[in-house]
């Protein structure tokens, strides 16, 4: 499915909504999500990548983990563009619960 914005989705559908496995490409914001969908939302396990853009090279963050209603929920790892990462629990896109943050220098 290609949207008027140029963004496009490749994957499974149910009842005219993104559902099951699929990949969404947001060309307007230079992002890509590959994983599970439910009722048009990122839901279940998936990977969301903020791709490098010509004017801002720091946008190479990546999240690999669980989603619910389009938000990071459950266990997941966020890799920051500077080399640091957070591996742990998330609730509604916020770090919440047990986790380990590793700084870019390895500490």
PDB file of N, CA and C in Angstrom:
ATOM      1  N   UNK A   1       0.851  -1.170   0.000  1.00  0.00           N
ATOM      2  CA  UNK A   1       0.000   0.000   0.000  1.00  0.00           C
ATOM      3  C   UNK A   1       0.894   1.228   0.000  1.00  0.00           C
ATOM      4  N   UNK A   2       0.703   2.102  -0.959  1.00  0.00           N
ATOM      5  CA  UNK A   2       1.436   3.362  -1.011  1.00  0.00           C
ATOM      6  C   UNK A   2       0.462   4.490  -0.689  1.00  0.00           C
ATOM      7  N   UNK A   3       0.839   5.327   0.266  1.00  0.00           N
ATOM      8  CA  UNK A   3       0.005   6.443   0.698  1.00  0.00           C
ATOM      9  C   UNK A   3       0.339   7.689  -0.120  1.00  0.00           C
ATOM     10  N   UNK A   4      -0.543   8.676  -0.117  1.00  0.00           N
ATOM     11  CA  UNK A   4      -0.324   9.895  -0.898  1.00  0.00           C
ATOM     12  C   UNK A   4       0.948  10.635  -0.477  1.00  0.00           C
ATOM     13  N   UNK A   5       1.389  10.435   0.765  1.00  0.00           N
ATOM     14  CA  UNK A   5       2.612  11.067   1.270  1.00  0.00           C
ATOM     15  C   UNK A   5       3.871  10.448   0.663  1.00  0.00           C
ATOM     16  N   UNK A   6       3.727   9.262   0.062  1.00  0.00           N
ATOM     17  CA  UNK A   6       4.872   8.515  -0.430  1.00  0.00           C
ATOM     18  C   UNK A   6       5.278   7.402   0.521  1.00  0.00           C
ATOM     19  N   UNK A   7       4.817   7.454   1.773  1.00  0.00           N
ATOM     20  CA  UNK A   7       5.069   6.373   2.729  1.00  0.00           C
ATOM     21  C   UNK A   7       4.404   5.104   2.197  1.00  0.00           C
ATOM     22  N   UNK A   8       4.976   3.925   2.521  1.00  0.00           N
ATOM     23  CA  UNK A   8       4.359   2.706   2.030  1.00  0.00           C
ATOM     24  C   UNK A   8       4.520   1.552   3.007  1.00  0.00           C
ATOM     25  N   UNK A   9       3.586   0.610   2.904  1.00  0.00           N
ATOM     26  CA  UNK A   9       3.534  -0.573   3.762  1.00  0.00           C
ATOM     27  C   UNK A   9       3.550  -1.809   2.883  1.00  0.00           C
ATOM     28  N   UNK A  10       4.352  -2.794   3.292  1.00  0.00           N
ATOM     29  CA  UNK A  10       4.397  -4.093   2.629  1.00  0.00           C
ATOM     30  C   UNK A  10       4.144  -5.150   3.689  1.00  0.00           C
ATOM     31  N   UNK A  11       3.074  -5.912   3.549  1.00  0.00           N
ATOM     32  CA  UNK A  11       2.819  -6.940   4.535  1.00  0.00           C
ATOM     33  C   UNK A  11       1.381  -7.397   4.566  1.00  0.00           C
ATOM     34  N   UNK A  12       1.017  -7.991   5.693  1.00  0.00           N
ATOM     35  CA  UNK A  12      -0.302  -8.609   5.867  1.00  0.00           C
ATOM     36  C   UNK A  12      -1.342  -7.587   6.311  1.00  0.00           C
ATOM     37  N   UNK A  13      -2.581  -7.912   5.975  1.00  0.00           N
ATOM     38  CA  UNK A  13      -3.734  -7.079   6.323  1.00  0.00           C
ATOM     39  C   UNK A  13      -4.830  -7.955   6.925  1.00  0.00           C
ATOM     40  N   UNK A  14      -5.665  -7.347   7.762  1.00  0.00           N
ATOM     41  CA  UNK A  14      -6.891  -7.993   8.251  1.00  0.00           C
ATOM     42  C   UNK A  14      -7.934  -6.905   8.448  1.00  0.00           C
ATOM     43  N   UNK A  15      -9.081  -7.083   7.851  1.00  0.00           N
ATOM     44  CA  UNK A  15     -10.177  -6.115   7.951  1.00  0.00           C
ATOM     45  C   UNK A  15      -9.724  -4.710   7.556  1.00  0.00           C
ATOM     46  N   UNK A  16      -8.939  -4.642   6.472  1.00  0.00           N
ATOM     47  CA  UNK A  16      -8.468  -3.382   5.906  1.00  0.00           C
ATOM     48  C   UNK A  16      -7.515  -2.612   6.830  1.00  0.00           C
ATOM     49  N   UNK A  17      -6.844  -3.328   7.748  1.00  0.00           N
ATOM     50  CA  UNK A  17      -5.873  -2.713   8.654  1.00  0.00           C
ATOM     51  C   UNK A  17      -4.583  -3.523   8.633  1.00  0.00           C
ATOM     52  N   UNK A  18      -3.449  -2.834   8.858  1.00  0.00           N
ATOM     53  CA  UNK A  18      -2.178  -3.541   8.954  1.00  0.00           C
ATOM     54  C   UNK A  18      -2.280  -4.531  10.114  1.00  0.00           C
ATOM     55  N   UNK A  19      -2.011  -5.809   9.820  1.00  0.00           N
ATOM     56  CA  UNK A  19      -2.157  -6.843  10.838  1.00  0.00           C
ATOM     57  C   UNK A  19      -1.300  -8.032  10.447  1.00  0.00           C
ATOM     58  N   UNK A  20      -0.535  -8.577  11.403  1.00  0.00           N
ATOM     59  CA  UNK A  20       0.390  -9.663  11.111  1.00  0.00           C
ATOM     60  C   UNK A  20       1.764  -9.085  10.825  1.00  0.00           C
ATOM     61  N   UNK A  21       2.571  -9.796  10.056  1.00  0.00           N
ATOM     62  CA  UNK A  21       3.932  -9.351   9.749  1.00  0.00           C
ATOM     63  C   UNK A  21       3.933  -8.337   8.620  1.00  0.00           C
ATOM     64  N   UNK A  22       4.758  -7.296   8.782  1.00  0.00           N
ATOM     65  CA  UNK A  22       4.858  -6.314   7.717  1.00  0.00           C
ATOM     66  C   UNK A  22       5.920  -5.271   7.995  1.00  0.00           C
ATOM     67  N   UNK A  23       6.198  -4.476   6.969  1.00  0.00           N
ATOM     68  CA  UNK A  23       7.186  -3.401   7.061  1.00  0.00           C
ATOM     69  C   UNK A  23       6.557  -2.097   6.594  1.00  0.00           C
ATOM     70  N   UNK A  24       6.690  -1.076   7.423  1.00  0.00           N
ATOM     71  CA  UNK A  24       6.211   0.263   7.086  1.00  0.00           C
ATOM     72  C   UNK A  24       7.418   1.152   6.849  1.00  0.00           C
ATOM     73  N   UNK A  25       7.407   1.856   5.734  1.00  0.00           N
ATOM     74  CA  UNK A  25       8.470   2.803   5.390  1.00  0.00           C
ATOM     75  C   UNK A  25       7.882   4.206   5.449  1.00  0.00           C
ATOM     76  N   UNK A  26       8.366   5.011   6.393  1.00  0.00           N
ATOM     77  CA  UNK A  26       7.952   6.404   6.479  1.00  0.00           C
ATOM     78  C   UNK A  26       9.020   7.238   5.779  1.00  0.00           C
ATOM     79  N   UNK A  27       8.809   7.525   4.512  1.00  0.00           N
ATOM     80  CA  UNK A  27       9.778   8.311   3.758  1.00  0.00           C
ATOM     81  C   UNK A  27       9.796   9.757   4.237  1.00  0.00           C
ATOM     82  N   UNK A  28       8.657  10.239   4.733  1.00  0.00           N
ATOM     83  CA  UNK A  28       8.549  11.634   5.183  1.00  0.00           C
ATOM     84  C   UNK A  28       9.380  11.901   6.442  1.00  0.00           C
ATOM     85  N   UNK A  29       9.598  10.880   7.274  1.00  0.00           N
ATOM     86  CA  UNK A  29      10.390  11.065   8.497  1.00  0.00           C
ATOM     87  C   UNK A  29      11.633  10.171   8.525  1.00  0.00           C
ATOM     88  N   UNK A  30      11.894   9.454   7.434  1.00  0.00           N
ATOM     89  CA  UNK A  30      13.076   8.607   7.290  1.00  0.00           C
ATOM     90  C   UNK A  30      13.151   7.529   8.381  1.00  0.00           C
ATOM     91  N   UNK A  31      12.039   6.799   8.552  1.00  0.00           N
ATOM     92  CA  UNK A  31      11.946   5.724   9.540  1.00  0.00           C
ATOM     93  C   UNK A  31      11.445   4.453   8.880  1.00  0.00           C
ATOM     94  N   UNK A  32      11.743   3.315   9.525  1.00  0.00           N
ATOM     95  CA  UNK A  32      11.260   2.032   9.023  1.00  0.00           C
ATOM     96  C   UNK A  32      10.978   1.117  10.210  1.00  0.00           C
ATOM     97  N   UNK A  33       9.852   0.425  10.162  1.00  0.00           N
ATOM     98  CA  UNK A  33       9.503  -0.573  11.170  1.00  0.00           C
ATOM     99  C   UNK A  33       9.234  -1.897  10.470  1.00  0.00           C
ATOM    100  N   UNK A  34       9.857  -2.953  10.972  1.00  0.00           N
ATOM    101  CA  UNK A  34       9.618  -4.306  10.480  1.00  0.00           C
ATOM    102  C   UNK A  34       9.243  -5.177  11.666  1.00  0.00           C
ATOM    103  N   UNK A  35       8.102  -5.814  11.581  1.00  0.00           N
ATOM    104  CA  UNK A  35       7.666  -6.665  12.683  1.00  0.00           C
ATOM    105  C   UNK A  35       6.182  -6.925  12.640  1.00  0.00           C
ATOM    106  N   UNK A  36       5.630  -7.154  13.808  1.00  0.00           N
ATOM    107  CA  UNK A  36       4.227  -7.501  13.928  1.00  0.00           C
ATOM    108  C   UNK A  36       3.346  -6.263  14.056  1.00  0.00           C
ATOM    109  N   UNK A  37       2.170  -6.354  13.480  1.00  0.00           N
ATOM    110  CA  UNK A  37       1.164  -5.291  13.523  1.00  0.00           C
ATOM    111  C   UNK A  37      -0.151  -5.876  14.029  1.00  0.00           C
ATOM    112  N   UNK A  38      -0.925  -5.033  14.691  1.00  0.00           N
ATOM    113  CA  UNK A  38      -2.272  -5.419  15.107  1.00  0.00           C
ATOM    114  C   UNK A  38      -3.149  -4.184  15.066  1.00  0.00           C
ATOM    115  N   UNK A  39      -4.219  -4.240  14.276  1.00  0.00           N
ATOM    116  CA  UNK A  39      -5.191  -3.143  14.203  1.00  0.00           C
ATOM    117  C   UNK A  39      -4.518  -1.819  13.818  1.00  0.00           C
ATOM    118  N   UNK A  40      -3.568  -1.850  12.880  1.00  0.00           N
ATOM    119  CA  UNK A  40      -2.818  -0.687  12.375  1.00  0.00           C
ATOM    120  C   UNK A  40      -1.726  -0.187  13.313  1.00  0.00           C
ATOM    121  N   UNK A  41      -1.478  -0.864  14.431  1.00  0.00           N
ATOM    122  CA  UNK A  41      -0.458  -0.447  15.386  1.00  0.00           C
ATOM    123  C   UNK A  41       0.697  -1.444  15.415  1.00  0.00           C
ATOM    124  N   UNK A  42       1.912  -0.948  15.678  1.00  0.00           N
ATOM    125  CA  UNK A  42       3.041  -1.818  15.967  1.00  0.00           C
ATOM    126  C   UNK A  42       2.677  -2.563  17.240  1.00  0.00           C
ATOM    127  N   UNK A  43       2.680  -3.885  17.176  1.00  0.00           N
ATOM    128  CA  UNK A  43       2.238  -4.677  18.319  1.00  0.00           C
ATOM    129  C   UNK A  43       2.897  -6.046  18.268  1.00  0.00           C
ATOM    130  N   UNK A  44       3.494  -6.470  19.377  1.00  0.00           N
ATOM    131  CA  UNK A  44       4.266  -7.702  19.386  1.00  0.00           C
ATOM    132  C   UNK A  44       5.734  -7.359  19.227  1.00  0.00           C
ATOM    133  N   UNK A  45       6.486  -8.205  18.549  1.00  0.00           N
ATOM    134  CA  UNK A  45       7.924  -7.991  18.407  1.00  0.00           C
ATOM    135  C   UNK A  45       8.239  -7.303  17.084  1.00  0.00           C
ATOM    136  N   UNK A  46       9.179  -6.338  17.137  1.00  0.00           N
ATOM    137  CA  UNK A  46       9.581  -5.674  15.908  1.00  0.00           C
ATOM    138  C   UNK A  46      10.793  -4.785  16.092  1.00  0.00           C
ATOM    139  N   UNK A  47      11.286  -4.270  14.978  1.00  0.00           N
ATOM    140  CA  UNK A  47      12.447  -3.385  14.952  1.00  0.00           C
ATOM    141  C   UNK A  47      12.074  -2.077  14.277  1.00  0.00           C
ATOM    142  N   UNK A  48      12.318  -0.987  14.979  1.00  0.00           N
ATOM    143  CA  UNK A  48      12.062   0.350  14.434  1.00  0.00           C
ATOM    144  C   UNK A  48      13.404   1.051  14.288  1.00  0.00           C
ATOM    145  N   UNK A  49      13.679   1.567  13.087  1.00  0.00           N
ATOM    146  CA  UNK A  49      14.952   2.223  12.797  1.00  0.00           C
ATOM    147  C   UNK A  49      14.683   3.654  12.354  1.00  0.00           C
ATOM    148  N   UNK A  50      15.409   4.566  12.971  1.00  0.00           N
ATOM    149  CA  UNK A  50      15.410   5.951  12.529  1.00  0.00           C
ATOM    150  C   UNK A  50      16.631   6.088  11.627  1.00  0.00           C
ATOM    151  N   UNK A  51      16.410   6.216  10.343  1.00  0.00           N
ATOM    152  CA  UNK A  51      17.488   6.173   9.360  1.00  0.00           C
ATOM    153  C   UNK A  51      18.245   7.492   9.290  1.00  0.00           C
ATOM    154  N   UNK A  52      19.457   7.411   8.775  1.00  0.00           N
ATOM    155  CA  UNK A  52      20.284   8.601   8.599  1.00  0.00           C
ATOM    156  C   UNK A  52      19.656   9.486   7.530  1.00  0.00           C
ATOM    157  N   UNK A  53      19.614  10.773   7.815  1.00  0.00           N
ATOM    158  CA  UNK A  53      19.126  11.728   6.821  1.00  0.00           C
ATOM    159  C   UNK A  53      20.278  12.632   6.410  1.00  0.00           C
ATOM    160  N   UNK A  54      20.120  13.305   5.303  1.00  0.00           N
ATOM    161  CA  UNK A  54      21.205  14.125   4.755  1.00  0.00           C
ATOM    162  C   UNK A  54      21.576  15.281   5.685  1.00  0.00           C
ATOM    163  N   UNK A  55      20.596  15.830   6.404  1.00  0.00           N
ATOM    164  CA  UNK A  55      20.879  17.011   7.220  1.00  0.00           C
ATOM    165  C   UNK A  55      21.143  16.702   8.694  1.00  0.00           C
ATOM    166  N   UNK A  56      20.936  15.462   9.140  1.00  0.00           N
ATOM    167  CA  UNK A  56      21.155  15.143  10.547  1.00  0.00           C
ATOM    168  C   UNK A  56      21.672  13.714  10.682  1.00  0.00           C
ATOM    169  N   UNK A  57      22.970  13.547  10.768  1.00  0.00           N
ATOM    170  CA  UNK A  57      23.579  12.221  10.795  1.00  0.00           C
ATOM    171  C   UNK A  57      23.366  11.491  12.122  1.00  0.00           C
ATOM    172  N   UNK A  58      22.846  12.147  13.163  1.00  0.00           N
ATOM    173  CA  UNK A  58      22.641  11.487  14.449  1.00  0.00           C
ATOM    174  C   UNK A  58      21.379  10.630  14.485  1.00  0.00           C
ATOM    175  N   UNK A  59      20.561  10.697  13.458  1.00  0.00           N
ATOM    176  CA  UNK A  59      19.318   9.933  13.467  1.00  0.00           C
ATOM    177  C   UNK A  59      19.538   8.509  12.966  1.00  0.00           C
ATOM    178  N   UNK A  60      20.297   7.718  13.741  1.00  0.00           N
ATOM    179  CA  UNK A  60      20.492   6.311  13.420  1.00  0.00           C
ATOM    180  C   UNK A  60      20.177   5.472  14.646  1.00  0.00           C
ATOM    181  N   UNK A  61      19.173   5.867  15.371  1.00  0.00           N
ATOM    182  CA  UNK A  61      18.739   5.108  16.536  1.00  0.00           C
ATOM    183  C   UNK A  61      17.956   3.887  16.077  1.00  0.00           C
ATOM    184  N   UNK A  62      17.910   2.873  16.958  1.00  0.00           N
ATOM    185  CA  UNK A  62      17.200   1.645  16.606  1.00  0.00           C
ATOM    186  C   UNK A  62      16.633   1.032  17.877  1.00  0.00           C
ATOM    187  N   UNK A  63      15.389   0.578  17.805  1.00  0.00           N
ATOM    188  CA  UNK A  63      14.756  -0.144  18.916  1.00  0.00           C
ATOM    189  C   UNK A  63      14.374  -1.531  18.428  1.00  0.00           C
ATOM    190  N   UNK A  64      14.775  -2.547  19.193  1.00  0.00           N
ATOM    191  CA  UNK A  64      14.441  -3.935  18.892  1.00  0.00           C
ATOM    192  C   UNK A  64      13.755  -4.504  20.127  1.00  0.00           C
ATOM    193  N   UNK A  65      12.489  -4.850  19.992  1.00  0.00           N
ATOM    194  CA  UNK A  65      11.794  -5.376  21.156  1.00  0.00           C
ATOM    195  C   UNK A  65      10.296  -5.428  20.969  1.00  0.00           C
ATOM    196  N   UNK A  66       9.605  -5.394  22.097  1.00  0.00           N
ATOM    197  CA  UNK A  66       8.157  -5.559  22.112  1.00  0.00           C
ATOM    198  C   UNK A  66       7.427  -4.222  22.061  1.00  0.00           C
ATOM    199  N   UNK A  67       6.245  -4.282  21.434  1.00  0.00           N
ATOM    200  CA  UNK A  67       5.390  -3.116  21.221  1.00  0.00           C
ATOM    201  C   UNK A  67       3.968  -3.449  21.656  1.00  0.00           C
ATOM    202  N   UNK A  68       3.232  -2.404  22.028  1.00  0.00           N
ATOM    203  CA  UNK A  68       1.797  -2.531  22.281  1.00  0.00           C
ATOM    204  C   UNK A  68       1.143  -1.216  21.902  1.00  0.00           C
ATOM    205  N   UNK A  69       0.174  -1.259  21.014  1.00  0.00           N
ATOM    206  CA  UNK A  69      -0.551  -0.074  20.535  1.00  0.00           C
ATOM    207  C   UNK A  69       0.397   1.013  20.014  1.00  0.00           C
ATOM    208  N   UNK A  70       1.455   0.601  19.319  1.00  0.00           N
ATOM    209  CA  UNK A  70       2.380   1.542  18.710  1.00  0.00           C
ATOM    210  C   UNK A  70       3.421   2.124  19.644  1.00  0.00           C
ATOM    211  N   UNK A  71       3.478   1.635  20.895  1.00  0.00           N
ATOM    212  CA  UNK A  71       4.428   2.142  21.887  1.00  0.00           C
ATOM    213  C   UNK A  71       5.346   1.021  22.357  1.00  0.00           C
ATOM    214  N   UNK A  72       6.574   1.370  22.736  1.00  0.00           N
ATOM    215  CA  UNK A  72       7.504   0.390  23.287  1.00  0.00           C
ATOM    216  C   UNK A  72       6.951  -0.094  24.627  1.00  0.00           C
ATOM    217  N   UNK A  73       6.715  -1.388  24.737  1.00  0.00           N
ATOM    218  CA  UNK A  73       6.171  -1.994  25.957  1.00  0.00           C
ATOM    219  C   UNK A  73       6.744  -3.393  26.120  1.00  0.00           C
ATOM    220  N   UNK A  74       7.173  -3.724  27.342  1.00  0.00           N
ATOM    221  CA  UNK A  74       7.786  -5.021  27.593  1.00  0.00           C
ATOM    222  C   UNK A  74       9.295  -4.906  27.473  1.00  0.00           C
ATOM    223  N   UNK A  75       9.938  -6.003  27.120  1.00  0.00           N
ATOM    224  CA  UNK A  75      11.400  -5.999  27.028  1.00  0.00           C
ATOM    225  C   UNK A  75      11.850  -5.532  25.652  1.00  0.00           C
ATOM    226  N   UNK A  76      12.911  -4.707  25.656  1.00  0.00           N
ATOM    227  CA  UNK A  76      13.473  -4.260  24.393  1.00  0.00           C
ATOM    228  C   UNK A  76      14.807  -3.581  24.591  1.00  0.00           C
ATOM    229  N   UNK A  77      15.522  -3.399  23.492  1.00  0.00           N
ATOM    230  CA  UNK A  77      16.821  -2.741  23.514  1.00  0.00           C
ATOM    231  C   UNK A  77      16.784  -1.550  22.572  1.00  0.00           C
ATOM    232  N   UNK A  78      17.186  -0.389  23.109  1.00  0.00           N
ATOM    233  CA  UNK A  78      17.282   0.828  22.298  1.00  0.00           C
ATOM    234  C   UNK A  78      18.755   1.124  22.092  1.00  0.00           C
ATOM    235  N   UNK A  79      19.174   1.137  20.829  1.00  0.00           N
ATOM    236  CA  UNK A  79      20.549   1.442  20.462  1.00  0.00           C
ATOM    237  C   UNK A  79      20.601   2.900  20.009  1.00  0.00           C
ATOM    238  N   UNK A  80      21.398   3.699  20.691  1.00  0.00           N
ATOM    239  CA  UNK A  80      21.520   5.115  20.365  1.00  0.00           C
ATOM    240  C   UNK A  80      22.606   5.325  19.314  1.00  0.00           C
ATOM    241  N   UNK A  81      22.472   6.388  18.544  1.00  0.00           N
ATOM    242  CA  UNK A  81      23.411   6.663  17.461  1.00  0.00           C
ATOM    243  C   UNK A  81      24.833   6.909  17.953  1.00  0.00           C
ATOM    244  N   UNK A  82      24.996   7.310  19.224  1.00  0.00           N
ATOM    245  CA  UNK A  82      26.337   7.588  19.755  1.00  0.00           C
ATOM    246  C   UNK A  82      27.040   6.332  20.270  1.00  0.00           C
ATOM    247  N   UNK A  83      26.386   5.165  20.180  1.00  0.00           N
ATOM    248  CA  UNK A  83      26.988   3.905  20.606  1.00  0.00           C
ATOM    249  C   UNK A  83      26.506   3.403  21.950  1.00  0.00           C
ATOM    250  N   UNK A  84      25.769   4.202  22.695  1.00  0.00           N
ATOM    251  CA  UNK A  84      25.228   3.735  23.965  1.00  0.00           C
ATOM    252  C   UNK A  84      23.957   2.921  23.704  1.00  0.00           C
ATOM    253  N   UNK A  85      23.498   2.184  24.739  1.00  0.00           N
ATOM    254  CA  UNK A  85      22.273   1.410  24.567  1.00  0.00           C
ATOM    255  C   UNK A  85      21.590   1.197  25.915  1.00  0.00           C
ATOM    256  N   UNK A  86      20.297   0.971  25.853  1.00  0.00           N
ATOM    257  CA  UNK A  86      19.506   0.600  27.020  1.00  0.00           C
ATOM    258  C   UNK A  86      18.841  -0.727  26.707  1.00  0.00           C
ATOM    259  N   UNK A  87      19.051  -1.716  27.588  1.00  0.00           N
ATOM    260  CA  UNK A  87      18.444  -3.032  27.444  1.00  0.00           C
ATOM    261  C   UNK A  87      17.626  -3.289  28.696  1.00  0.00           C
ATOM    262  N   UNK A  88      16.320  -3.338  28.540  1.00  0.00           N
ATOM    263  CA  UNK A  88      15.492  -3.545  29.719  1.00  0.00           C
ATOM    264  C   UNK A  88      14.015  -3.411  29.426  1.00  0.00           C
ATOM    265  N   UNK A  89      13.282  -3.058  30.466  1.00  0.00           N
ATOM    266  CA  UNK A  89      11.823  -2.989  30.413  1.00  0.00           C
ATOM    267  C   UNK A  89      11.335  -1.597  30.016  1.00  0.00           C
ATOM    268  N   UNK A  90      10.211  -1.585  29.308  1.00  0.00           N
ATOM    269  CA  UNK A  90       9.578  -0.361  28.828  1.00  0.00           C
ATOM    270  C   UNK A  90       8.092  -0.378  29.162  1.00  0.00           C
ATOM    271  N   UNK A  91       7.537   0.801  29.425  1.00  0.00           N
ATOM    272  CA  UNK A  91       6.096   0.973  29.566  1.00  0.00           C
ATOM    273  C   UNK A  91       5.705   2.251  28.838  1.00  0.00           C
ATOM    274  N   UNK A  92       4.863   2.124  27.838  1.00  0.00           N
ATOM    275  CA  UNK A  92       4.363   3.263  27.062  1.00  0.00           C
ATOM    276  C   UNK A  92       5.481   4.201  26.603  1.00  0.00           C
ATOM    277  N   UNK A  93       6.505   3.642  25.976  1.00  0.00           N
ATOM    278  CA  UNK A  93       7.656   4.354  25.409  1.00  0.00           C
ATOM    279  C   UNK A  93       8.657   4.870  26.438  1.00  0.00           C
ATOM    280  N   UNK A  94       8.450   4.591  27.729  1.00  0.00           N
ATOM    281  CA  UNK A  94       9.357   5.060  28.772  1.00  0.00           C
ATOM    282  C   UNK A  94      10.109   3.884  29.386  1.00  0.00           C
ATOM    283  N   UNK A  95      11.387   4.102  29.697  1.00  0.00           N
ATOM    284  CA  UNK A  95      12.155   3.087  30.424  1.00  0.00           C
ATOM    285  C   UNK A  95      11.500   2.922  31.788  1.00  0.00           C
ATOM    286  N   UNK A  96      11.159   1.679  32.139  1.00  0.00           N
ATOM    287  CA  UNK A  96      10.427   1.455  33.379  1.00  0.00           C
ATOM    288  C   UNK A  96      10.677   0.027  33.849  1.00  0.00           C
ATOM    289  N   UNK A  97      11.214  -0.123  35.058  1.00  0.00           N
ATOM    290  CA  UNK A  97      11.505  -1.450  35.581  1.00  0.00           C
ATOM    291  C   UNK A  97      12.998  -1.719  35.521  1.00  0.00           C
ATOM    292  N   UNK A  98      13.354  -2.986  35.420  1.00  0.00           N
ATOM    293  CA  UNK A  98      14.761  -3.388  35.402  1.00  0.00           C
ATOM    294  C   UNK A  98      15.359  -3.160  34.022  1.00  0.00           C
ATOM    295  N   UNK A  99      16.587  -2.668  34.029  1.00  0.00           N
ATOM    296  CA  UNK A  99      17.287  -2.464  32.778  1.00  0.00           C
ATOM    297  C   UNK A  99      18.727  -2.075  33.017  1.00  0.00           C
ATOM    298  N   UNK A 100      19.508  -2.139  31.960  1.00  0.00           N
ATOM    299  CA  UNK A 100      20.918  -1.769  32.026  1.00  0.00           C
ATOM    300  C   UNK A 100      21.180  -0.756  30.923  1.00  0.00           C
ATOM    301  N   UNK A 101      21.744   0.386  31.331  1.00  0.00           N
ATOM    302  CA  UNK A 101      22.142   1.409  30.362  1.00  0.00           C
ATOM    303  C   UNK A 101      23.652   1.346  30.210  1.00  0.00           C
ATOM    304  N   UNK A 102      24.128   1.167  29.011  1.00  0.00           N
ATOM    305  CA  UNK A 102      25.553   1.123  28.725  1.00  0.00           C
ATOM    306  C   UNK A 102      25.922   2.387  27.946  1.00  0.00           C
ATOM    307  N   UNK A 103      26.851   3.157  28.506  1.00  0.00           N
ATOM    308  CA  UNK A 103      27.266   4.395  27.866  1.00  0.00           C
ATOM    309  C   UNK A 103      28.176   4.105  26.684  1.00  0.00           C
ATOM    310  N   UNK A 104      28.379   5.107  25.863  1.00  0.00           N
ATOM    311  CA  UNK A 104      29.163   4.936  24.643  1.00  0.00           C
ATOM    312  C   UNK A 104      30.607   4.481  24.903  1.00  0.00           C
ATOM    313  N   UNK A 105      31.131   4.774  26.121  1.00  0.00           N
ATOM    314  CA  UNK A 105      32.491   4.346  26.444  1.00  0.00           C
ATOM    315  C   UNK A 105      32.527   2.938  27.053  1.00  0.00           C
ATOM    316  N   UNK A 106      31.359   2.281  27.133  1.00  0.00           N
ATOM    317  CA  UNK A 106      31.282   0.913  27.648  1.00  0.00           C
ATOM    318  C   UNK A 106      30.956   0.805  29.114  1.00  0.00           C
ATOM    319  N   UNK A 107      30.913   1.910  29.851  1.00  0.00           N
ATOM    320  CA  UNK A 107      30.572   1.858  31.274  1.00  0.00           C
ATOM    321  C   UNK A 107      29.074   1.732  31.469  1.00  0.00           C
TER     322      UNK A 107
END
